[in-house]
Amino acid sequence: MNPIVKSVGLRKSYGAFEALKGIDLEIERGEVLCIVGPSGSGKSTFLRCINQLEAVDGGALWVNGELVGYRRTGHKLFELSEREIARQRLATGMVFQRFNLFPHKTALDNVIEGPVQVLKLERKKAELEAHELLARVGLSDKCGAYPIALSGGQQQRVAIARALAMKPALMLFDEPTSALDPELVGEVLSVMRDLARTGMTMIVVTHELGFAREVANRVLFMDQGLVVESGSPEQVLGRPTQARTRDFISAVLS
């Protein structure tokens, strides 16, 4: 099977700052990849390129078998329209640091918004699926609650259910616990563990090294826009070969 994500020489710059300096990477279907590294290393930028929240500046990126952002005709590339990009984006679900829920909508209405408005799913069917998803993330009793009445961990679990409601082939998590109080982190990681067990393909940017060690098939360490080290959790987190990886892990665990 083709990899669900293939990156060849991927580059992204913001003015003079080069956030990604040529990323070569393949991610297989069903794989859980955890990306770790210091702030500013390019981790979140890589996710945002996959989800087309950022345009690629160089190299090429394929997601779910499609070239991201472009259509190839013969030997020429043509930029996709906003509508075509939106269609490609449906292959991915993204969970951010901040929950980005609609404050004026209940948990249930937040979850059904995408299926009803984008996928044109019949409302009753969307509500039935939303109830199932909210139960899956442990919030069956919060369907009628508004975000202001939910804890940060509960809001993030609604955000996960909302992303899953679009039936993505790939889930992206951008430091999903970094905005949470420490006592709420565990409930979100528990949902993510359960999701990984179902075989969902996941790319997780995280500082939770224990979670990465337990759940990931592969861990990637990034620094200064480059992949410094990649391998099994035991290798990268337990026996890193690169000094920069060792320094980072020591700093996180100290």
C-alpha atoms as a PDB file:
ATOM      1  CA  MET A   1       0.000   0.000   0.000  1.00  0.00           C
ATOM      2  CA  ASN A   2       1.111   3.543  -0.686  1.00  0.00           C
ATOM      3  CA  PRO A   3       2.101   5.594   2.373  1.00  0.00           C
ATOM      4  CA  ILE A   4      -0.635   7.902   3.612  1.00  0.00           C
ATOM      5  CA  VAL A   5       1.905  10.753   3.785  1.00  0.00           C
ATOM      6  CA  LYS A   6       4.974  11.098   1.606  1.00  0.00           C
ATOM      7  CA  SER A   7       7.232  14.121   1.895  1.00  0.00           C
ATOM      8  CA  VAL A   8      10.139  14.675  -0.519  1.00  0.00           C
ATOM      9  CA  GLY A   9      12.485  17.598   0.102  1.00  0.00           C
ATOM     10  CA  LEU A  10       9.695  19.557   1.795  1.00  0.00           C
ATOM     11  CA  ARG A  11      10.572  23.191   2.460  1.00  0.00           C
ATOM     12  CA  LYS A  12       8.706  26.033   4.113  1.00  0.00           C
ATOM     13  CA  SER A  13       9.926  29.541   4.884  1.00  0.00           C
ATOM     14  CA  TYR A  14       8.533  32.588   6.634  1.00  0.00           C
ATOM     15  CA  GLY A  15      10.486  35.447   5.151  1.00  0.00           C
ATOM     16  CA  ALA A  16      14.152  34.764   5.832  1.00  0.00           C
ATOM     17  CA  PHE A  17      13.353  32.081   8.412  1.00  0.00           C
ATOM     18  CA  GLU A  18      13.444  28.556   6.983  1.00  0.00           C
ATOM     19  CA  ALA A  19      11.057  26.501   9.113  1.00  0.00           C
ATOM     20  CA  LEU A  20      11.448  23.253   7.134  1.00  0.00           C
ATOM     21  CA  LYS A  21      14.743  22.565   5.386  1.00  0.00           C
ATOM     22  CA  GLY A  22      14.009  19.572   3.198  1.00  0.00           C
ATOM     23  CA  ILE A  23      11.946  16.914   4.980  1.00  0.00           C
ATOM     24  CA  ASP A  24      12.012  13.401   3.494  1.00  0.00           C
ATOM     25  CA  LEU A  25       9.509  11.176   5.250  1.00  0.00           C
ATOM     26  CA  GLU A  26       6.959   8.425   4.635  1.00  0.00           C
ATOM     27  CA  ILE A  27       4.145   7.556   7.043  1.00  0.00           C
ATOM     28  CA  GLU A  28       2.311   4.280   6.614  1.00  0.00           C
ATOM     29  CA  ARG A  29      -1.415   3.726   7.016  1.00  0.00           C
ATOM     30  CA  GLY A  30      -2.231   2.652  10.562  1.00  0.00           C
ATOM     31  CA  GLU A  31       1.004   4.086  11.932  1.00  0.00           C
ATOM     32  CA  VAL A  32       1.176   6.268  15.033  1.00  0.00           C
ATOM     33  CA  LEU A  33       4.038   8.729  14.606  1.00  0.00           C
ATOM     34  CA  CYS A  34       5.025  11.019  17.467  1.00  0.00           C
ATOM     35  CA  ILE A  35       7.128  14.071  16.638  1.00  0.00           C
ATOM     36  CA  VAL A  36       9.154  15.618  19.433  1.00  0.00           C
ATOM     37  CA  GLY A  37      11.594  18.487  19.547  1.00  0.00           C
ATOM     38  CA  PRO A  38      12.121  21.999  20.901  1.00  0.00           C
ATOM     39  CA  SER A  39       9.842  24.922  20.105  1.00  0.00           C
ATOM     40  CA  GLY A  40      10.549  26.372  16.683  1.00  0.00           C
ATOM     41  CA  SER A  41      11.919  23.102  15.297  1.00  0.00           C
ATOM     42  CA  GLY A  42       9.299  22.859  12.526  1.00  0.00           C
ATOM     43  CA  LYS A  43       7.007  20.242  14.071  1.00  0.00           C
ATOM     44  CA  SER A  44       3.779  22.234  13.881  1.00  0.00           C
ATOM     45  CA  THR A  45       4.703  23.685  10.499  1.00  0.00           C
ATOM     46  CA  PHE A  46       5.000  20.169   9.115  1.00  0.00           C
ATOM     47  CA  LEU A  47       1.480  19.329  10.342  1.00  0.00           C
ATOM     48  CA  ARG A  48       0.113  22.557   8.915  1.00  0.00           C
ATOM     49  CA  CYS A  49       1.607  21.736   5.525  1.00  0.00           C
ATOM     50  CA  ILE A  50      -0.047  18.307   5.606  1.00  0.00           C
ATOM     51  CA  ASN A  51      -3.399  19.949   6.389  1.00  0.00           C
ATOM     52  CA  GLN A  52      -2.763  22.756   3.866  1.00  0.00           C
ATOM     53  CA  LEU A  53      -3.030  25.490   6.459  1.00  0.00           C
ATOM     54  CA  GLU A  54       0.383  26.474   5.085  1.00  0.00           C
ATOM     55  CA  ALA A  55       1.432  26.359   1.443  1.00  0.00           C
ATOM     56  CA  VAL A  56       4.535  24.344   0.599  1.00  0.00           C
ATOM     57  CA  ASP A  57       7.459  26.432  -0.720  1.00  0.00           C
ATOM     58  CA  GLY A  58       9.617  23.624  -2.086  1.00  0.00           C
ATOM     59  CA  GLY A  59       9.737  19.884  -2.562  1.00  0.00           C
ATOM     60  CA  ALA A  60       6.557  17.822  -2.769  1.00  0.00           C
ATOM     61  CA  LEU A  61       4.009  16.372  -0.392  1.00  0.00           C
ATOM     62  CA  TRP A  62       1.438  13.636  -0.991  1.00  0.00           C
ATOM     63  CA  VAL A  63      -1.430  12.946   1.421  1.00  0.00           C
ATOM     64  CA  ASN A  64      -3.763   9.992   0.958  1.00  0.00           C
ATOM     65  CA  GLY A  65      -2.369   9.413  -2.523  1.00  0.00           C
ATOM     66  CA  GLU A  66      -2.836  12.987  -3.795  1.00  0.00           C
ATOM     67  CA  LEU A  67      -0.226  15.658  -4.474  1.00  0.00           C
ATOM     68  CA  VAL A  68      -0.959  18.418  -1.985  1.00  0.00           C
ATOM     69  CA  GLY A  69      -1.941  21.791  -3.423  1.00  0.00           C
ATOM     70  CA  TYR A  70      -1.252  20.980  -7.066  1.00  0.00           C
ATOM     71  CA  ARG A  71      -2.563  19.030 -10.001  1.00  0.00           C
ATOM     72  CA  ARG A  72      -0.093  17.497 -12.436  1.00  0.00           C
ATOM     73  CA  THR A  73      -1.035  17.608 -16.111  1.00  0.00           C
ATOM     74  CA  GLY A  74       1.659  16.121 -18.308  1.00  0.00           C
ATOM     75  CA  HIS A  75       4.907  17.694 -17.129  1.00  0.00           C
ATOM     76  CA  LYS A  76       3.272  20.811 -15.670  1.00  0.00           C
ATOM     77  CA  LEU A  77       1.917  21.595 -12.224  1.00  0.00           C
ATOM     78  CA  PHE A  78      -1.141  23.752 -11.693  1.00  0.00           C
ATOM     79  CA  GLU A  79      -2.197  25.197  -8.336  1.00  0.00           C
ATOM     80  CA  LEU A  80      -5.476  23.855  -7.005  1.00  0.00           C
ATOM     81  CA  SER A  81      -8.456  26.098  -6.404  1.00  0.00           C
ATOM     82  CA  GLU A  82      -9.642  26.810  -2.845  1.00  0.00           C
ATOM     83  CA  ARG A  83     -12.505  24.371  -3.413  1.00  0.00           C
ATOM     84  CA  GLU A  84     -10.102  21.612  -4.512  1.00  0.00           C
ATOM     85  CA  ILE A  85      -7.848  22.301  -1.523  1.00  0.00           C
ATOM     86  CA  ALA A  86     -10.862  22.098   0.800  1.00  0.00           C
ATOM     87  CA  ARG A  87     -11.737  18.728  -0.715  1.00  0.00           C
ATOM     88  CA  GLN A  88      -8.184  17.439  -0.177  1.00  0.00           C
ATOM     89  CA  ARG A  89      -8.240  18.715   3.390  1.00  0.00           C
ATOM     90  CA  LEU A  90     -11.137  16.375   4.199  1.00  0.00           C
ATOM     91  CA  ALA A  91      -8.630  13.498   4.308  1.00  0.00           C
ATOM     92  CA  THR A  92      -7.206  14.897   7.542  1.00  0.00           C
ATOM     93  CA  GLY A  93      -8.656  15.761  10.921  1.00  0.00           C
ATOM     94  CA  MET A  94      -6.702  18.202  13.046  1.00  0.00           C
ATOM     95  CA  VAL A  95      -6.746  18.836  16.791  1.00  0.00           C
ATOM     96  CA  PHE A  96      -4.991  22.024  17.874  1.00  0.00           C
ATOM     97  CA  GLN A  97      -3.449  23.270  21.117  1.00  0.00           C
ATOM     98  CA  ARG A  98      -6.458  25.533  21.551  1.00  0.00           C
ATOM     99  CA  PHE A  99      -9.806  23.881  21.232  1.00  0.00           C
ATOM    100  CA  ASN A 100     -11.413  26.345  18.765  1.00  0.00           C
ATOM    101  CA  LEU A 101     -14.943  25.254  19.597  1.00  0.00           C
ATOM    102  CA  PHE A 102     -17.882  27.450  18.632  1.00  0.00           C
ATOM    103  CA  PRO A 103     -18.739  29.089  21.986  1.00  0.00           C
ATOM    104  CA  HIS A 104     -22.403  29.622  21.057  1.00  0.00           C
ATOM    105  CA  LYS A 105     -22.968  25.945  20.146  1.00  0.00           C
ATOM    106  CA  THR A 106     -23.391  22.934  22.413  1.00  0.00           C
ATOM    107  CA  ALA A 107     -20.933  20.046  22.355  1.00  0.00           C
ATOM    108  CA  LEU A 108     -23.339  18.109  20.125  1.00  0.00           C
ATOM    109  CA  ASP A 109     -23.789  21.013  17.712  1.00  0.00           C
ATOM    110  CA  ASN A 110     -20.020  21.541  17.534  1.00  0.00           C
ATOM    111  CA  VAL A 111     -19.591  17.913  16.483  1.00  0.00           C
ATOM    112  CA  ILE A 112     -22.344  17.897  13.848  1.00  0.00           C
ATOM    113  CA  GLU A 113     -21.401  21.232  12.263  1.00  0.00           C
ATOM    114  CA  GLY A 114     -18.914  19.764   9.773  1.00  0.00           C
ATOM    115  CA  PRO A 115     -20.905  16.688   8.732  1.00  0.00           C
ATOM    116  CA  VAL A 116     -24.062  18.756   8.172  1.00  0.00           C
ATOM    117  CA  GLN A 117     -22.548  21.845   6.558  1.00  0.00           C
ATOM    118  CA  VAL A 118     -19.636  20.315   4.640  1.00  0.00           C
ATOM    119  CA  LEU A 119     -20.552  16.667   4.053  1.00  0.00           C
ATOM    120  CA  LYS A 120     -24.274  17.516   3.698  1.00  0.00           C
ATOM    121  CA  LEU A 121     -25.205  14.677   6.046  1.00  0.00           C
ATOM    122  CA  GLU A 122     -28.843  14.538   7.116  1.00  0.00           C
ATOM    123  CA  ARG A 123     -29.102  16.150  10.561  1.00  0.00           C
ATOM    124  CA  LYS A 124     -30.680  13.197  12.376  1.00  0.00           C
ATOM    125  CA  LYS A 125     -27.966  10.855  11.111  1.00  0.00           C
ATOM    126  CA  ALA A 126     -25.273  13.416  12.037  1.00  0.00           C
ATOM    127  CA  GLU A 127     -26.729  13.696  15.556  1.00  0.00           C
ATOM    128  CA  LEU A 128     -26.792   9.921  15.975  1.00  0.00           C
ATOM    129  CA  GLU A 129     -23.126   9.663  14.945  1.00  0.00           C
ATOM    130  CA  ALA A 130     -22.221  12.641  17.163  1.00  0.00           C
ATOM    131  CA  HIS A 131     -23.816  10.986  20.199  1.00  0.00           C
ATOM    132  CA  GLU A 132     -21.726   7.875  19.492  1.00  0.00           C
ATOM    133  CA  LEU A 133     -18.535   9.918  19.159  1.00  0.00           C
ATOM    134  CA  LEU A 134     -19.158  11.915  22.328  1.00  0.00           C
ATOM    135  CA  ALA A 135     -19.753   8.643  24.162  1.00  0.00           C
ATOM    136  CA  ARG A 136     -16.510   7.331  22.690  1.00  0.00           C
ATOM    137  CA  VAL A 137     -14.571  10.253  24.230  1.00  0.00           C
ATOM    138  CA  GLY A 138     -16.388   9.870  27.564  1.00  0.00           C
ATOM    139  CA  LEU A 139     -18.771  12.810  27.213  1.00  0.00           C
ATOM    140  CA  SER A 140     -22.165  11.236  26.596  1.00  0.00           C
ATOM    141  CA  ASP A 141     -23.549  13.302  29.500  1.00  0.00           C
ATOM    142  CA  LYS A 142     -22.263  16.605  28.059  1.00  0.00           C
ATOM    143  CA  CYS A 143     -24.042  16.699  24.699  1.00  0.00           C
ATOM    144  CA  GLY A 144     -26.100  19.749  25.651  1.00  0.00           C
ATOM    145  CA  ALA A 145     -23.295  21.611  27.423  1.00  0.00           C
ATOM    146  CA  TYR A 146     -21.726  24.760  26.018  1.00  0.00           C
ATOM    147  CA  PRO A 147     -17.916  25.100  25.928  1.00  0.00           C
ATOM    148  CA  ILE A 148     -17.892  27.621  28.783  1.00  0.00           C
ATOM    149  CA  ALA A 149     -19.365  24.935  31.055  1.00  0.00           C
ATOM    150  CA  LEU A 150     -16.703  22.370  30.119  1.00  0.00           C
ATOM    151  CA  SER A 151     -13.191  21.946  31.498  1.00  0.00           C
ATOM    152  CA  GLY A 152     -10.240  22.306  29.150  1.00  0.00           C
ATOM    153  CA  GLY A 153      -9.870  18.534  28.966  1.00  0.00           C
ATOM    154  CA  GLN A 154     -13.542  18.115  28.132  1.00  0.00           C
ATOM    155  CA  GLN A 155     -13.328  20.800  25.445  1.00  0.00           C
ATOM    156  CA  GLN A 156     -10.354  19.068  23.880  1.00  0.00           C
ATOM    157  CA  ARG A 157     -12.239  15.771  23.870  1.00  0.00           C
ATOM    158  CA  VAL A 158     -15.130  17.485  22.080  1.00  0.00           C
ATOM    159  CA  ALA A 159     -12.583  18.793  19.572  1.00  0.00           C
ATOM    160  CA  ILE A 160     -11.346  15.229  18.976  1.00  0.00           C
ATOM    161  CA  ALA A 161     -14.917  14.011  18.463  1.00  0.00           C
ATOM    162  CA  ARG A 162     -15.516  16.918  16.066  1.00  0.00           C
ATOM    163  CA  ALA A 163     -12.472  15.945  13.990  1.00  0.00           C
ATOM    164  CA  LEU A 164     -13.487  12.272  13.946  1.00  0.00           C
ATOM    165  CA  ALA A 165     -16.987  13.191  12.779  1.00  0.00           C
ATOM    166  CA  MET A 166     -15.552  14.060   9.362  1.00  0.00           C
ATOM    167  CA  LYS A 167     -14.269  10.466   9.020  1.00  0.00           C
ATOM    168  CA  PRO A 168     -10.673  11.433   8.167  1.00  0.00           C
ATOM    169  CA  ALA A 169      -8.086   8.961   6.915  1.00  0.00           C
ATOM    170  CA  LEU A 170      -5.447  10.663   9.078  1.00  0.00           C
ATOM    171  CA  MET A 171      -5.600  12.439  12.440  1.00  0.00           C
ATOM    172  CA  LEU A 172      -3.151  15.246  13.241  1.00  0.00           C
ATOM    173  CA  PHE A 173      -2.584  16.370  16.827  1.00  0.00           C
ATOM    174  CA  ASP A 174      -0.624  19.583  17.405  1.00  0.00           C
ATOM    175  CA  GLU A 175       0.461  19.488  21.071  1.00  0.00           C
ATOM    176  CA  PRO A 176      -3.119  18.705  22.135  1.00  0.00           C
ATOM    177  CA  THR A 177      -2.364  18.771  25.865  1.00  0.00           C
ATOM    178  CA  SER A 178      -0.057  21.799  26.080  1.00  0.00           C
ATOM    179  CA  ALA A 179      -2.868  24.232  26.973  1.00  0.00           C
ATOM    180  CA  LEU A 180      -4.304  21.973  29.681  1.00  0.00           C
ATOM    181  CA  ASP A 181      -3.807  22.032  33.413  1.00  0.00           C
ATOM    182  CA  PRO A 182      -1.642  19.041  34.417  1.00  0.00           C
ATOM    183  CA  GLU A 183      -4.509  17.166  36.083  1.00  0.00           C
ATOM    184  CA  LEU A 184      -6.516  17.247  32.834  1.00  0.00           C
ATOM    185  CA  VAL A 185      -3.801  15.915  30.524  1.00  0.00           C
ATOM    186  CA  GLY A 186      -4.448  12.266  31.331  1.00  0.00           C
ATOM    187  CA  GLU A 187      -8.072  12.253  30.189  1.00  0.00           C
ATOM    188  CA  VAL A 188      -7.132  13.535  26.730  1.00  0.00           C
ATOM    189  CA  LEU A 189      -4.187  11.151  26.356  1.00  0.00           C
ATOM    190  CA  SER A 190      -6.475   8.272  27.346  1.00  0.00           C
ATOM    191  CA  VAL A 191      -8.813   9.080  24.448  1.00  0.00           C
ATOM    192  CA  MET A 192      -5.826   9.264  22.100  1.00  0.00           C
ATOM    193  CA  ARG A 193      -4.541   5.878  23.337  1.00  0.00           C
ATOM    194  CA  ASP A 194      -7.933   4.324  22.620  1.00  0.00           C
ATOM    195  CA  LEU A 195      -7.965   5.908  19.168  1.00  0.00           C
ATOM    196  CA  ALA A 196      -4.509   4.501  18.395  1.00  0.00           C
ATOM    197  CA  ARG A 197      -5.699   1.019  19.392  1.00  0.00           C
ATOM    198  CA  THR A 198      -8.429   1.174  16.736  1.00  0.00           C
ATOM    199  CA  GLY A 199      -5.786   1.452  14.000  1.00  0.00           C
ATOM    200  CA  MET A 200      -6.314   5.132  13.220  1.00  0.00           C
ATOM    201  CA  THR A 201      -3.324   6.715  11.490  1.00  0.00           C
ATOM    202  CA  MET A 202      -2.062   9.478  13.774  1.00  0.00           C
ATOM    203  CA  ILE A 203       0.699  12.076  13.690  1.00  0.00           C
ATOM    204  CA  VAL A 204       1.143  13.589  17.136  1.00  0.00           C
ATOM    205  CA  VAL A 205       3.334  16.563  17.953  1.00  0.00           C
ATOM    206  CA  THR A 206       3.870  16.270  21.691  1.00  0.00           C
ATOM    207  CA  HIS A 207       6.145  16.851  24.667  1.00  0.00           C
ATOM    208  CA  GLU A 208       4.533  13.914  26.485  1.00  0.00           C
ATOM    209  CA  LEU A 209       7.432  11.485  26.141  1.00  0.00           C
ATOM    210  CA  GLY A 210       5.727   8.810  28.231  1.00  0.00           C
ATOM    211  CA  PHE A 211       2.773   8.814  25.858  1.00  0.00           C
ATOM    212  CA  ALA A 212       5.111   8.634  22.854  1.00  0.00           C
ATOM    213  CA  ARG A 213       6.994   5.723  24.389  1.00  0.00           C
ATOM    214  CA  GLU A 214       3.767   3.828  25.067  1.00  0.00           C
ATOM    215  CA  VAL A 215       1.703   4.500  21.936  1.00  0.00           C
ATOM    216  CA  ALA A 216       3.966   5.407  19.008  1.00  0.00           C
ATOM    217  CA  ASN A 217       5.167   2.977  16.380  1.00  0.00           C
ATOM    218  CA  ARG A 218       7.860   5.507  15.532  1.00  0.00           C
ATOM    219  CA  VAL A 219       9.284   8.651  17.091  1.00  0.00           C
ATOM    220  CA  LEU A 220      10.780  11.513  15.117  1.00  0.00           C
ATOM    221  CA  PHE A 221      13.049  14.103  16.709  1.00  0.00           C
ATOM    222  CA  MET A 222      13.161  17.434  14.860  1.00  0.00           C
ATOM    223  CA  ASP A 223      15.396  20.431  15.406  1.00  0.00           C
ATOM    224  CA  GLN A 224      15.947  23.593  13.349  1.00  0.00           C
ATOM    225  CA  GLY A 225      13.705  22.417  10.513  1.00  0.00           C
ATOM    226  CA  LEU A 226      15.385  19.041  10.084  1.00  0.00           C
ATOM    227  CA  VAL A 227      14.725  15.438  11.070  1.00  0.00           C
ATOM    228  CA  VAL A 228      17.629  14.710  13.396  1.00  0.00           C
ATOM    229  CA  GLU A 229      16.675  11.188  14.432  1.00  0.00           C
ATOM    230  CA  SER A 230      13.933   8.682  13.650  1.00  0.00           C
ATOM    231  CA  GLY A 231      13.231   5.206  14.948  1.00  0.00           C
ATOM    232  CA  SER A 232      11.316   3.129  17.462  1.00  0.00           C
ATOM    233  CA  PRO A 233      10.400   4.767  20.784  1.00  0.00           C
ATOM    234  CA  GLU A 234      12.898   2.490  22.516  1.00  0.00           C
ATOM    235  CA  GLN A 235      15.690   3.654  20.235  1.00  0.00           C
ATOM    236  CA  VAL A 236      14.989   7.398  19.964  1.00  0.00           C
ATOM    237  CA  LEU A 237      13.811   7.976  23.540  1.00  0.00           C
ATOM    238  CA  GLY A 238      15.832   5.260  25.278  1.00  0.00           C
ATOM    239  CA  ARG A 239      19.058   5.009  23.274  1.00  0.00           C
ATOM    240  CA  PRO A 240      19.337   8.124  21.078  1.00  0.00           C
ATOM    241  CA  THR A 241      22.369   8.225  18.816  1.00  0.00           C
ATOM    242  CA  GLN A 242      22.483  11.996  18.307  1.00  0.00           C
ATOM    243  CA  ALA A 243      23.792  14.358  20.981  1.00  0.00           C
ATOM    244  CA  ARG A 244      21.058  16.906  20.230  1.00  0.00           C
ATOM    245  CA  THR A 245      18.380  14.258  20.872  1.00  0.00           C
ATOM    246  CA  ARG A 246      20.021  13.225  24.134  1.00  0.00           C
ATOM    247  CA  ASP A 247      20.213  16.857  25.321  1.00  0.00           C
ATOM    248  CA  PHE A 248      16.553  17.459  24.517  1.00  0.00           C
ATOM    249  CA  ILE A 249      15.326  14.331  26.296  1.00  0.00           C
ATOM    250  CA  SER A 250      17.454  15.123  29.345  1.00  0.00           C
ATOM    251  CA  ALA A 251      16.018  18.651  29.469  1.00  0.00           C
ATOM    252  CA  VAL A 252      12.408  17.441  29.189  1.00  0.00           C
ATOM    253  CA  LEU A 253      12.844  14.770  31.861  1.00  0.00           C
ATOM    254  CA  SER A 254      14.815  16.940  34.293  1.00  0.00           C
END
